[in-house]
PDB file of N, CA and C in Angstrom:
ATOM      1  N   UNK A   1      99.087 173.551  38.675  1.00  0.00           N
ATOM      2  CA  UNK A   1      99.723 174.880  38.351  1.00  0.00           C
ATOM      3  C   UNK A   1      99.925 175.659  39.850  1.00  0.00           C
ATOM      4  N   UNK A   2     100.923 176.055  39.687  1.00  0.00           N
ATOM      5  CA  UNK A   2     101.348 176.701  41.097  1.00  0.00           C
ATOM      6  C   UNK A   2     100.919 178.281  40.588  1.00  0.00           C
ATOM      7  N   UNK A   3     100.013 178.749  42.085  1.00  0.00           N
ATOM      8  CA  UNK A   3      99.430 180.179  42.314  1.00  0.00           C
ATOM      9  C   UNK A   3     100.050 181.020  42.872  1.00  0.00           C
ATOM     10  N   UNK A   4     100.075 182.291  43.098  1.00  0.00           N
ATOM     11  CA  UNK A   4     101.260 183.278  44.051  1.00  0.00           C
ATOM     12  C   UNK A   4      99.853 182.655  45.311  1.00  0.00           C
ATOM     13  N   UNK A   5      98.854 181.865  45.684  1.00  0.00           N
ATOM     14  CA  UNK A   5      97.482 181.578  46.475  1.00  0.00           C
ATOM     15  C   UNK A   5      97.916 180.268  46.999  1.00  0.00           C
ATOM     16  N   UNK A   6      99.105 179.123  46.498  1.00  0.00           N
ATOM     17  CA  UNK A   6      99.184 178.053  46.929  1.00  0.00           C
ATOM     18  C   UNK A   6      99.667 178.098  48.453  1.00  0.00           C
ATOM     19  N   UNK A   7      98.605 176.901  48.920  1.00  0.00           N
ATOM     20  CA  UNK A   7      99.635 177.358  50.432  1.00  0.00           C
ATOM     21  C   UNK A   7     100.406 176.950  50.312  1.00  0.00           C
ATOM     22  N   UNK A   8     101.250 175.979  49.928  1.00  0.00           N
ATOM     23  CA  UNK A   8     102.824 175.101  49.864  1.00  0.00           C
ATOM     24  C   UNK A   8     103.500 176.665  49.554  1.00  0.00           C
ATOM     25  N   UNK A   9     103.320 177.282  48.384  1.00  0.00           N
ATOM     26  CA  UNK A   9     104.311 178.376  48.287  1.00  0.00           C
ATOM     27  C   UNK A   9     103.838 179.438  49.377  1.00  0.00           C
ATOM     28  N   UNK A  10     103.013 179.566  49.871  1.00  0.00           N
ATOM     29  CA  UNK A  10     102.944 180.591  50.868  1.00  0.00           C
ATOM     30  C   UNK A  10     103.743 180.116  52.043  1.00  0.00           C
ATOM     31  N   UNK A  11     103.542 178.828  52.345  1.00  0.00           N
ATOM     32  CA  UNK A  11     104.103 178.061  53.491  1.00  0.00           C
ATOM     33  C   UNK A  11     105.922 178.585  53.154  1.00  0.00           C
ATOM     34  N   UNK A  12     106.207 178.063  52.176  1.00  0.00           N
ATOM     35  CA  UNK A  12     107.675 178.223  52.153  1.00  0.00           C
ATOM     36  C   UNK A  12     107.934 179.705  51.945  1.00  0.00           C
ATOM     37  N   UNK A  13     107.221 180.778  51.817  1.00  0.00           N
ATOM     38  CA  UNK A  13     107.406 181.956  51.445  1.00  0.00           C
ATOM     39  C   UNK A  13     107.780 182.410  53.329  1.00  0.00           C
ATOM     40  N   UNK A  14     107.312 181.870  54.135  1.00  0.00           N
ATOM     41  CA  UNK A  14     107.114 182.199  55.273  1.00  0.00           C
ATOM     42  C   UNK A  14     108.083 181.856  55.939  1.00  0.00           C
ATOM     43  N   UNK A  15     108.775 180.302  55.343  1.00  0.00           N
ATOM     44  CA  UNK A  15     109.809 180.255  55.748  1.00  0.00           C
ATOM     45  C   UNK A  15     111.537 180.877  55.411  1.00  0.00           C
ATOM     46  N   UNK A  16     111.050 180.802  54.496  1.00  0.00           N
ATOM     47  CA  UNK A  16     112.086 181.834  53.749  1.00  0.00           C
ATOM     48  C   UNK A  16     112.516 183.213  54.692  1.00  0.00           C
ATOM     49  N   UNK A  17     111.406 184.026  54.596  1.00  0.00           N
ATOM     50  CA  UNK A  17     111.362 185.414  55.599  1.00  0.00           C
ATOM     51  C   UNK A  17     111.958 184.661  57.237  1.00  0.00           C
ATOM     52  N   UNK A  18     111.287 183.495  57.703  1.00  0.00           N
ATOM     53  CA  UNK A  18     111.475 183.478  58.880  1.00  0.00           C
ATOM     54  C   UNK A  18     113.220 182.994  59.042  1.00  0.00           C
ATOM     55  N   UNK A  19     113.713 182.113  58.189  1.00  0.00           N
ATOM     56  CA  UNK A  19     115.041 181.507  58.027  1.00  0.00           C
ATOM     57  C   UNK A  19     115.807 183.321  57.925  1.00  0.00           C
ATOM     58  N   UNK A  20     115.555 184.015  57.295  1.00  0.00           N
ATOM     59  CA  UNK A  20     116.146 185.013  56.675  1.00  0.00           C
ATOM     60  C   UNK A  20     116.420 186.009  58.279  1.00  0.00           C
ATOM     61  N   UNK A  21     115.504 186.373  58.680  1.00  0.00           N
ATOM     62  CA  UNK A  21     115.391 187.271  60.211  1.00  0.00           C
ATOM     63  C   UNK A  21     116.060 186.401  61.214  1.00  0.00           C
ATOM     64  N   UNK A  22     116.265 184.872  61.115  1.00  0.00           N
ATOM     65  CA  UNK A  22     117.449 184.192  62.189  1.00  0.00           C
ATOM     66  C   UNK A  22     118.565 184.637  61.865  1.00  0.00           C
ATOM     67  N   UNK A  23     118.607 185.002  60.285  1.00  0.00           N
ATOM     68  CA  UNK A  23     120.484 184.971  60.145  1.00  0.00           C
ATOM     69  C   UNK A  23     120.764 186.299  60.794  1.00  0.00           C
ATOM     70  N   UNK A  24     119.859 186.803  61.166  1.00  0.00           N
ATOM     71  CA  UNK A  24     120.411 188.280  62.072  1.00  0.00           C
ATOM     72  C   UNK A  24     120.642 187.899  63.755  1.00  0.00           C
ATOM     73  N   UNK A  25     119.028 187.841  63.812  1.00  0.00           N
ATOM     74  CA  UNK A  25     118.492 187.128  65.583  1.00  0.00           C
ATOM     75  C   UNK A  25     117.880 186.334  66.021  1.00  0.00           C
ATOM     76  N   UNK A  26     117.812 185.598  66.560  1.00  0.00           N
ATOM     77  CA  UNK A  26     116.915 184.612  67.320  1.00  0.00           C
ATOM     78  C   UNK A  26     115.279 185.363  67.054  1.00  0.00           C
ATOM     79  N   UNK A  27     114.472 184.331  66.576  1.00  0.00           N
ATOM     80  CA  UNK A  27     113.108 184.564  66.202  1.00  0.00           C
ATOM     81  C   UNK A  27     112.749 184.271  67.221  1.00  0.00           C
ATOM     82  N   UNK A  28     111.127 184.346  67.805  1.00  0.00           N
ATOM     83  CA  UNK A  28     110.294 183.819  68.321  1.00  0.00           C
ATOM     84  C   UNK A  28     109.008 183.523  67.060  1.00  0.00           C
ATOM     85  N   UNK A  29     108.173 182.504  67.952  1.00  0.00           N
ATOM     86  CA  UNK A  29     107.529 181.939  67.144  1.00  0.00           C
ATOM     87  C   UNK A  29     107.923 181.387  65.755  1.00  0.00           C
ATOM     88  N   UNK A  30     108.617 181.265  65.244  1.00  0.00           N
ATOM     89  CA  UNK A  30     108.716 180.248  63.902  1.00  0.00           C
ATOM     90  C   UNK A  30     108.175 179.064  63.832  1.00  0.00           C
ATOM     91  N   UNK A  31     108.064 178.550  62.182  1.00  0.00           N
ATOM     92  CA  UNK A  31     107.192 177.498  62.097  1.00  0.00           C
ATOM     93  C   UNK A  31     107.960 176.469  62.418  1.00  0.00           C
ATOM     94  N   UNK A  32     107.188 175.497  62.683  1.00  0.00           N
ATOM     95  CA  UNK A  32     108.304 174.040  62.937  1.00  0.00           C
ATOM     96  C   UNK A  32     108.790 173.767  61.805  1.00  0.00           C
ATOM     97  N   UNK A  33     108.638 174.003  60.452  1.00  0.00           N
ATOM     98  CA  UNK A  33     110.001 173.939  59.314  1.00  0.00           C
ATOM     99  C   UNK A  33     110.788 174.818  59.361  1.00  0.00           C
ATOM    100  N   UNK A  34     110.737 175.698  60.297  1.00  0.00           N
ATOM    101  CA  UNK A  34     112.060 176.083  60.545  1.00  0.00           C
ATOM    102  C   UNK A  34     112.917 175.616  61.240  1.00  0.00           C
ATOM    103  N   UNK A  35     111.768 175.277  62.708  1.00  0.00           N
ATOM    104  CA  UNK A  35     112.763 174.662  63.505  1.00  0.00           C
ATOM    105  C   UNK A  35     113.696 173.628  63.046  1.00  0.00           C
ATOM    106  N   UNK A  36     113.161 172.545  62.554  1.00  0.00           N
ATOM    107  CA  UNK A  36     113.322 171.296  61.769  1.00  0.00           C
ATOM    108  C   UNK A  36     114.591 171.988  60.725  1.00  0.00           C
ATOM    109  N   UNK A  37     114.758 172.935  60.088  1.00  0.00           N
ATOM    110  CA  UNK A  37     115.676 173.588  59.298  1.00  0.00           C
ATOM    111  C   UNK A  37     116.787 173.474  60.342  1.00  0.00           C
ATOM    112  N   UNK A  38     116.667 174.541  60.617  1.00  0.00           N
ATOM    113  CA  UNK A  38     117.989 175.004  61.644  1.00  0.00           C
ATOM    114  C   UNK A  38     118.513 173.295  62.641  1.00  0.00           C
ATOM    115  N   UNK A  39     117.902 172.413  62.552  1.00  0.00           N
ATOM    116  CA  UNK A  39     118.499 171.350  63.233  1.00  0.00           C
ATOM    117  C   UNK A  39     119.492 170.734  62.346  1.00  0.00           C
ATOM    118  N   UNK A  40     119.230 171.136  61.378  1.00  0.00           N
ATOM    119  CA  UNK A  40     120.205 170.256  60.108  1.00  0.00           C
ATOM    120  C   UNK A  40     121.041 171.529  59.596  1.00  0.00           C
ATOM    121  N   UNK A  41     121.170 172.695  60.217  1.00  0.00           N
ATOM    122  CA  UNK A  41     121.838 173.385  59.450  1.00  0.00           C
ATOM    123  C   UNK A  41     123.299 173.244  59.297  1.00  0.00           C
ATOM    124  N   UNK A  42     123.867 172.131  60.342  1.00  0.00           N
ATOM    125  CA  UNK A  42     125.472 171.815  59.707  1.00  0.00           C
ATOM    126  C   UNK A  42     125.397 171.165  58.810  1.00  0.00           C
ATOM    127  N   UNK A  43     124.078 169.992  58.276  1.00  0.00           N
ATOM    128  CA  UNK A  43     124.634 169.035  57.634  1.00  0.00           C
ATOM    129  C   UNK A  43     124.378 169.583  56.487  1.00  0.00           C
ATOM    130  N   UNK A  44     123.275 170.750  56.075  1.00  0.00           N
ATOM    131  CA  UNK A  44     123.082 171.815  55.171  1.00  0.00           C
ATOM    132  C   UNK A  44     124.316 172.337  54.877  1.00  0.00           C
ATOM    133  N   UNK A  45     124.736 172.697  55.350  1.00  0.00           N
ATOM    134  CA  UNK A  45     125.853 173.968  55.407  1.00  0.00           C
ATOM    135  C   UNK A  45     126.799 173.149  54.668  1.00  0.00           C
ATOM    136  N   UNK A  46     126.966 171.773  55.373  1.00  0.00           N
ATOM    137  CA  UNK A  46     128.206 171.427  54.233  1.00  0.00           C
ATOM    138  C   UNK A  46     127.442 170.565  53.071  1.00  0.00           C
ATOM    139  N   UNK A  47     126.741 170.738  52.840  1.00  0.00           N
ATOM    140  CA  UNK A  47     126.101 170.612  51.468  1.00  0.00           C
ATOM    141  C   UNK A  47     126.371 171.762  50.056  1.00  0.00           C
ATOM    142  N   UNK A  48     126.224 172.908  51.108  1.00  0.00           N
ATOM    143  CA  UNK A  48     125.952 173.145  49.924  1.00  0.00           C
ATOM    144  C   UNK A  48     127.577 174.024  50.154  1.00  0.00           C
ATOM    145  N   UNK A  49     128.748 174.037  51.010  1.00  0.00           N
ATOM    146  CA  UNK A  49     130.024 174.035  50.931  1.00  0.00           C
ATOM    147  C   UNK A  49     130.207 173.006  49.864  1.00  0.00           C
ATOM    148  N   UNK A  50     130.196 172.071  49.707  1.00  0.00           N
ATOM    149  CA  UNK A  50     130.553 171.081  48.718  1.00  0.00           C
ATOM    150  C   UNK A  50     129.929 171.393  47.612  1.00  0.00           C
ATOM    151  N   UNK A  51     128.961 171.887  47.414  1.00  0.00           N
ATOM    152  CA  UNK A  51     128.321 171.919  46.014  1.00  0.00           C
ATOM    153  C   UNK A  51     128.944 173.571  45.270  1.00  0.00           C
ATOM    154  N   UNK A  52     129.173 174.723  46.156  1.00  0.00           N
ATOM    155  CA  UNK A  52     129.187 175.402  45.558  1.00  0.00           C
ATOM    156  C   UNK A  52     130.836 175.916  46.225  1.00  0.00           C
ATOM    157  N   UNK A  53     132.117 175.043  46.109  1.00  0.00           N
ATOM    158  CA  UNK A  53     133.198 175.690  46.364  1.00  0.00           C
ATOM    159  C   UNK A  53     133.952 176.565  46.387  1.00  0.00           C
ATOM    160  N   UNK A  54     133.511 177.515  45.341  1.00  0.00           N
ATOM    161  CA  UNK A  54     134.063 178.632  44.805  1.00  0.00           C
ATOM    162  C   UNK A  54     133.251 179.976  45.618  1.00  0.00           C
ATOM    163  N   UNK A  55     132.265 179.211  46.611  1.00  0.00           N
ATOM    164  CA  UNK A  55     131.680 180.915  47.265  1.00  0.00           C
ATOM    165  C   UNK A  55     131.851 180.196  48.919  1.00  0.00           C
ATOM    166  N   UNK A  56     132.560 181.119  49.667  1.00  0.00           N
ATOM    167  CA  UNK A  56     132.690 180.659  51.156  1.00  0.00           C
ATOM    168  C   UNK A  56     130.919 181.245  51.506  1.00  0.00           C
ATOM    169  N   UNK A  57     130.582 179.678  52.445  1.00  0.00           N
ATOM    170  CA  UNK A  57     129.383 180.098  53.022  1.00  0.00           C
ATOM    171  C   UNK A  57     128.950 181.544  53.554  1.00  0.00           C
ATOM    172  N   UNK A  58     129.942 182.197  54.326  1.00  0.00           N
ATOM    173  CA  UNK A  58     129.760 183.401  55.087  1.00  0.00           C
ATOM    174  C   UNK A  58     129.368 184.562  53.912  1.00  0.00           C
ATOM    175  N   UNK A  59     129.966 184.267  52.740  1.00  0.00           N
ATOM    176  CA  UNK A  59     130.157 185.189  51.684  1.00  0.00           C
ATOM    177  C   UNK A  59     128.483 185.077  50.701  1.00  0.00           C
ATOM    178  N   UNK A  60     127.984 184.219  50.833  1.00  0.00           N
ATOM    179  CA  UNK A  60     126.618 183.898  50.579  1.00  0.00           C
ATOM    180  C   UNK A  60     125.551 184.901  50.963  1.00  0.00           C
ATOM    181  N   UNK A  61     125.047 185.563  50.069  1.00  0.00           N
ATOM    182  CA  UNK A  61     123.406 186.714  50.684  1.00  0.00           C
ATOM    183  C   UNK A  61     122.825 185.637  51.410  1.00  0.00           C
ATOM    184  N   UNK A  62     122.739 186.491  52.369  1.00  0.00           N
ATOM    185  CA  UNK A  62     121.668 185.852  52.789  1.00  0.00           C
ATOM    186  C   UNK A  62     120.598 185.483  53.053  1.00  0.00           C
ATOM    187  N   UNK A  63     119.641 185.956  52.011  1.00  0.00           N
ATOM    188  CA  UNK A  63     118.734 185.284  51.856  1.00  0.00           C
ATOM    189  C   UNK A  63     118.592 184.653  50.696  1.00  0.00           C
ATOM    190  N   UNK A  64     119.992 184.143  49.973  1.00  0.00           N
ATOM    191  CA  UNK A  64     120.380 183.182  49.005  1.00  0.00           C
ATOM    192  C   UNK A  64     120.912 182.122  49.583  1.00  0.00           C
ATOM    193  N   UNK A  65     121.017 182.290  50.673  1.00  0.00           N
ATOM    194  CA  UNK A  65     121.391 181.407  51.867  1.00  0.00           C
ATOM    195  C   UNK A  65     119.522 180.160  52.073  1.00  0.00           C
ATOM    196  N   UNK A  66     119.372 181.105  52.393  1.00  0.00           N
ATOM    197  CA  UNK A  66     118.090 180.967  53.643  1.00  0.00           C
ATOM    198  C   UNK A  66     117.344 180.184  52.191  1.00  0.00           C
ATOM    199  N   UNK A  67     117.374 180.554  51.145  1.00  0.00           N
ATOM    200  CA  UNK A  67     116.434 180.088  50.354  1.00  0.00           C
ATOM    201  C   UNK A  67     117.132 178.498  49.947  1.00  0.00           C
ATOM    202  N   UNK A  68     118.716 178.319  49.944  1.00  0.00           N
ATOM    203  CA  UNK A  68     119.429 177.182  49.735  1.00  0.00           C
ATOM    204  C   UNK A  68     118.860 176.661  50.955  1.00  0.00           C
ATOM    205  N   UNK A  69     119.294 176.635  52.096  1.00  0.00           N
ATOM    206  CA  UNK A  69     118.396 176.070  52.988  1.00  0.00           C
ATOM    207  C   UNK A  69     116.979 175.484  53.081  1.00  0.00           C
ATOM    208  N   UNK A  70     115.867 176.074  52.887  1.00  0.00           N
ATOM    209  CA  UNK A  70     114.628 175.617  52.605  1.00  0.00           C
ATOM    210  C   UNK A  70     114.632 174.349  51.539  1.00  0.00           C
ATOM    211  N   UNK A  71     115.488 174.642  50.285  1.00  0.00           N
ATOM    212  CA  UNK A  71     115.279 173.983  49.268  1.00  0.00           C
ATOM    213  C   UNK A  71     116.069 172.429  49.706  1.00  0.00           C
ATOM    214  N   UNK A  72     117.200 172.389  50.135  1.00  0.00           N
ATOM    215  CA  UNK A  72     118.164 171.290  50.648  1.00  0.00           C
ATOM    216  C   UNK A  72     117.908 170.480  51.739  1.00  0.00           C
ATOM    217  N   UNK A  73     116.745 171.356  52.514  1.00  0.00           N
ATOM    218  CA  UNK A  73     116.252 170.483  53.405  1.00  0.00           C
ATOM    219  C   UNK A  73     114.529 169.698  52.863  1.00  0.00           C
ATOM    220  N   UNK A  74     113.997 170.530  51.991  1.00  0.00           N
ATOM    221  CA  UNK A  74     113.091 169.695  51.207  1.00  0.00           C
ATOM    222  C   UNK A  74     112.998 168.636  50.620  1.00  0.00           C
ATOM    223  N   UNK A  75     114.363 168.479  49.561  1.00  0.00           N
ATOM    224  CA  UNK A  75     114.670 167.888  48.930  1.00  0.00           C
ATOM    225  C   UNK A  75     115.258 166.372  49.755  1.00  0.00           C
ATOM    226  N   UNK A  76     115.846 166.532  51.167  1.00  0.00           N
ATOM    227  CA  UNK A  76     116.620 165.767  51.914  1.00  0.00           C
ATOM    228  C   UNK A  76     114.876 165.004  52.384  1.00  0.00           C
ATOM    229  N   UNK A  77     114.033 165.824  53.303  1.00  0.00           N
ATOM    230  CA  UNK A  77     112.962 165.270  54.219  1.00  0.00           C
ATOM    231  C   UNK A  77     111.870 165.167  53.508  1.00  0.00           C
ATOM    232  N   UNK A  78     111.576 165.855  52.422  1.00  0.00           N
ATOM    233  CA  UNK A  78     109.966 166.108  52.203  1.00  0.00           C
ATOM    234  C   UNK A  78     109.375 165.569  51.148  1.00  0.00           C
ATOM    235  N   UNK A  79     108.280 164.531  50.733  1.00  0.00           N
ATOM    236  CA  UNK A  79     108.067 164.615  49.698  1.00  0.00           C
ATOM    237  C   UNK A  79     107.276 164.630  48.507  1.00  0.00           C
ATOM    238  N   UNK A  80     108.533 166.055  47.980  1.00  0.00           N
ATOM    239  CA  UNK A  80     108.261 166.646  46.945  1.00  0.00           C
ATOM    240  C   UNK A  80     109.104 166.753  45.721  1.00  0.00           C
ATOM    241  N   UNK A  81     108.800 166.613  44.789  1.00  0.00           N
ATOM    242  CA  UNK A  81     109.480 166.291  43.112  1.00  0.00           C
ATOM    243  C   UNK A  81     110.648 167.232  43.384  1.00  0.00           C
ATOM    244  N   UNK A  82     112.116 166.697  42.789  1.00  0.00           N
ATOM    245  CA  UNK A  82     112.985 167.719  43.476  1.00  0.00           C
ATOM    246  C   UNK A  82     112.757 168.854  42.200  1.00  0.00           C
ATOM    247  N   UNK A  83     112.194 168.193  40.454  1.00  0.00           N
ATOM    248  CA  UNK A  83     112.149 169.621  39.867  1.00  0.00           C
ATOM    249  C   UNK A  83     111.469 170.429  40.338  1.00  0.00           C
ATOM    250  N   UNK A  84     109.871 170.449  41.637  1.00  0.00           N
ATOM    251  CA  UNK A  84     109.463 171.161  41.939  1.00  0.00           C
ATOM    252  C   UNK A  84     109.876 171.598  43.191  1.00  0.00           C
ATOM    253  N   UNK A  85     110.799 171.385  43.663  1.00  0.00           N
ATOM    254  CA  UNK A  85     111.495 171.928  44.957  1.00  0.00           C
ATOM    255  C   UNK A  85     112.850 172.987  44.142  1.00  0.00           C
ATOM    256  N   UNK A  86     113.637 172.457  43.078  1.00  0.00           N
ATOM    257  CA  UNK A  86     114.003 173.477  42.197  1.00  0.00           C
ATOM    258  C   UNK A  86     113.636 174.909  41.796  1.00  0.00           C
ATOM    259  N   UNK A  87     112.771 174.357  41.567  1.00  0.00           N
ATOM    260  CA  UNK A  87     111.691 175.260  40.436  1.00  0.00           C
ATOM    261  C   UNK A  87     111.483 176.669  41.249  1.00  0.00           C
ATOM    262  N   UNK A  88     110.584 176.180  42.574  1.00  0.00           N
ATOM    263  CA  UNK A  88     109.671 177.186  43.528  1.00  0.00           C
ATOM    264  C   UNK A  88     111.239 177.593  43.854  1.00  0.00           C
ATOM    265  N   UNK A  89     112.547 177.100  44.261  1.00  0.00           N
ATOM    266  CA  UNK A  89     113.374 177.868  44.797  1.00  0.00           C
ATOM    267  C   UNK A  89     113.838 179.334  44.215  1.00  0.00           C
ATOM    268  N   UNK A  90     114.224 178.660  43.288  1.00  0.00           N
ATOM    269  CA  UNK A  90     114.792 179.705  41.490  1.00  0.00           C
ATOM    270  C   UNK A  90     113.754 180.846  41.611  1.00  0.00           C
ATOM    271  N   UNK A  91     112.643 180.380  41.886  1.00  0.00           N
ATOM    272  CA  UNK A  91     111.126 181.476  41.847  1.00  0.00           C
ATOM    273  C   UNK A  91     111.427 182.272  43.117  1.00  0.00           C
ATOM    274  N   UNK A  92     111.379 181.777  43.979  1.00  0.00           N
ATOM    275  CA  UNK A  92     111.950 182.914  45.250  1.00  0.00           C
ATOM    276  C   UNK A  92     112.884 183.670  45.026  1.00  0.00           C
ATOM    277  N   UNK A  93     114.002 183.165  44.702  1.00  0.00           N
ATOM    278  CA  UNK A  93     115.333 183.589  44.457  1.00  0.00           C
ATOM    279  C   UNK A  93     115.278 184.856  43.934  1.00  0.00           C
ATOM    280  N   UNK A  94     114.592 184.753  42.779  1.00  0.00           N
ATOM    281  CA  UNK A  94     114.382 185.812  42.017  1.00  0.00           C
ATOM    282  C   UNK A  94     113.361 186.866  42.401  1.00  0.00           C
ATOM    283  N   UNK A  95     112.234 186.456  43.237  1.00  0.00           N
ATOM    284  CA  UNK A  95     111.743 187.624  43.440  1.00  0.00           C
ATOM    285  C   UNK A  95     112.463 188.269  45.154  1.00  0.00           C
ATOM    286  N   UNK A  96     113.107 187.336  45.999  1.00  0.00           N
ATOM    287  CA  UNK A  96     113.369 188.117  47.485  1.00  0.00           C
ATOM    288  C   UNK A  96     115.263 188.350  47.311  1.00  0.00           C
ATOM    289  N   UNK A  97     116.163 187.622  46.308  1.00  0.00           N
ATOM    290  CA  UNK A  97     117.248 188.224  45.958  1.00  0.00           C
ATOM    291  C   UNK A  97     117.748 189.095  45.149  1.00  0.00           C
ATOM    292  N   UNK A  98     119.199 188.922  44.535  1.00  0.00           N
ATOM    293  CA  UNK A  98     119.563 190.137  43.398  1.00  0.00           C
ATOM    294  C   UNK A  98     118.971 189.458  42.336  1.00  0.00           C
ATOM    295  N   UNK A  99     119.805 190.117  41.163  1.00  0.00           N
ATOM    296  CA  UNK A  99     119.625 190.148  39.819  1.00  0.00           C
ATOM    297  C   UNK A  99     119.840 188.539  39.615  1.00  0.00           C
ATOM    298  N   UNK A 100     121.283 187.920  39.965  1.00  0.00           N
ATOM    299  CA  UNK A 100     121.907 186.765  39.700  1.00  0.00           C
ATOM    300  C   UNK A 100     121.471 185.488  40.657  1.00  0.00           C
ATOM    301  N   UNK A 101     120.397 185.838  41.443  1.00  0.00           N
ATOM    302  CA  UNK A 101     120.033 184.779  42.661  1.00  0.00           C
ATOM    303  C   UNK A 101     119.421 183.812  41.949  1.00  0.00           C
ATOM    304  N   UNK A 102     118.813 184.061  41.106  1.00  0.00           N
ATOM    305  CA  UNK A 102     118.273 182.523  40.128  1.00  0.00           C
ATOM    306  C   UNK A 102     119.183 182.070  39.528  1.00  0.00           C
ATOM    307  N   UNK A 103     120.045 182.589  38.828  1.00  0.00           N
ATOM    308  CA  UNK A 103     121.289 181.208  38.394  1.00  0.00           C
ATOM    309  C   UNK A 103     121.899 180.861  39.572  1.00  0.00           C
ATOM    310  N   UNK A 104     122.292 181.372  40.358  1.00  0.00           N
ATOM    311  CA  UNK A 104     122.879 181.066  41.448  1.00  0.00           C
ATOM    312  C   UNK A 104     122.556 179.581  42.355  1.00  0.00           C
ATOM    313  N   UNK A 105     120.853 180.074  42.669  1.00  0.00           N
ATOM    314  CA  UNK A 105     120.129 178.896  43.276  1.00  0.00           C
ATOM    315  C   UNK A 105     120.061 177.760  42.542  1.00  0.00           C
ATOM    316  N   UNK A 106     120.063 178.186  41.429  1.00  0.00           N
ATOM    317  CA  UNK A 106     119.635 177.015  40.621  1.00  0.00           C
ATOM    318  C   UNK A 106     120.962 176.262  40.375  1.00  0.00           C
ATOM    319  N   UNK A 107     122.263 176.919  40.124  1.00  0.00           N
ATOM    320  CA  UNK A 107     123.163 175.750  39.970  1.00  0.00           C
ATOM    321  C   UNK A 107     123.643 175.353  40.879  1.00  0.00           C
ATOM    322  N   UNK A 108     123.466 175.724  42.286  1.00  0.00           N
ATOM    323  CA  UNK A 108     123.596 175.121  43.662  1.00  0.00           C
ATOM    324  C   UNK A 108     122.700 173.570  43.897  1.00  0.00           C
ATOM    325  N   UNK A 109     121.561 174.354  43.640  1.00  0.00           N
ATOM    326  CA  UNK A 109     120.498 173.064  43.710  1.00  0.00           C
ATOM    327  C   UNK A 109     120.561 172.014  42.323  1.00  0.00           C
ATOM    328  N   UNK A 110     121.601 172.287  41.641  1.00  0.00           N
ATOM    329  CA  UNK A 110     121.725 171.166  40.492  1.00  0.00           C
ATOM    330  C   UNK A 110     122.442 170.175  40.748  1.00  0.00           C
ATOM    331  N   UNK A 111     123.685 171.126  41.537  1.00  0.00           N
ATOM    332  CA  UNK A 111     125.049 170.148  42.304  1.00  0.00           C
ATOM    333  C   UNK A 111     124.282 169.257  42.783  1.00  0.00           C
ATOM    334  N   UNK A 112     123.690 169.858  44.109  1.00  0.00           N
ATOM    335  CA  UNK A 112     123.247 169.130  44.866  1.00  0.00           C
ATOM    336  C   UNK A 112     122.149 167.831  44.692  1.00  0.00           C
ATOM    337  N   UNK A 113     121.098 168.082  43.605  1.00  0.00           N
ATOM    338  CA  UNK A 113     120.399 167.087  43.242  1.00  0.00           C
ATOM    339  C   UNK A 113     121.203 165.771  42.513  1.00  0.00           C
ATOM    340  N   UNK A 114     122.385 166.786  41.825  1.00  0.00           N
ATOM    341  CA  UNK A 114     123.504 165.143  41.075  1.00  0.00           C
ATOM    342  C   UNK A 114     124.122 164.367  42.269  1.00  0.00           C
ATOM    343  N   UNK A 115     124.444 165.200  43.244  1.00  0.00           N
ATOM    344  CA  UNK A 115     125.173 164.769  44.340  1.00  0.00           C
ATOM    345  C   UNK A 115     124.152 163.714  45.302  1.00  0.00           C
ATOM    346  N   UNK A 116     122.691 164.200  45.327  1.00  0.00           N
ATOM    347  CA  UNK A 116     122.392 163.074  46.229  1.00  0.00           C
ATOM    348  C   UNK A 116     121.102 162.107  45.627  1.00  0.00           C
ATOM    349  N   UNK A 117     120.905 162.493  44.525  1.00  0.00           N
ATOM    350  CA  UNK A 117     120.314 161.074  43.319  1.00  0.00           C
ATOM    351  C   UNK A 117     120.979 160.032  43.178  1.00  0.00           C
TER     352      UNK A 117
END
């Protein structure tokens, strides 16, 4: 069961904060996971655009975009069950995003999951 002190949850929170900060300006000493996500930004953005066609990527809230980048990276590259990735992303969206972030992230990741599975 996930807790606020779970190392995987903490790692994701750090990655989200770093990705969010990177959306404003280049950061020093970012986690390795963030470096890998940044290498795949074009691919991940294409997946987001295809999964949320009514939302131009530049109009998506930056924290939601950071959460989507992390979650899609994990879906494509990590050996974590998709339901865990999506649940964690929705929880992070509720914690850091706006009132509608949780449902937005859930909808986009549901579509992504359907496309990649």
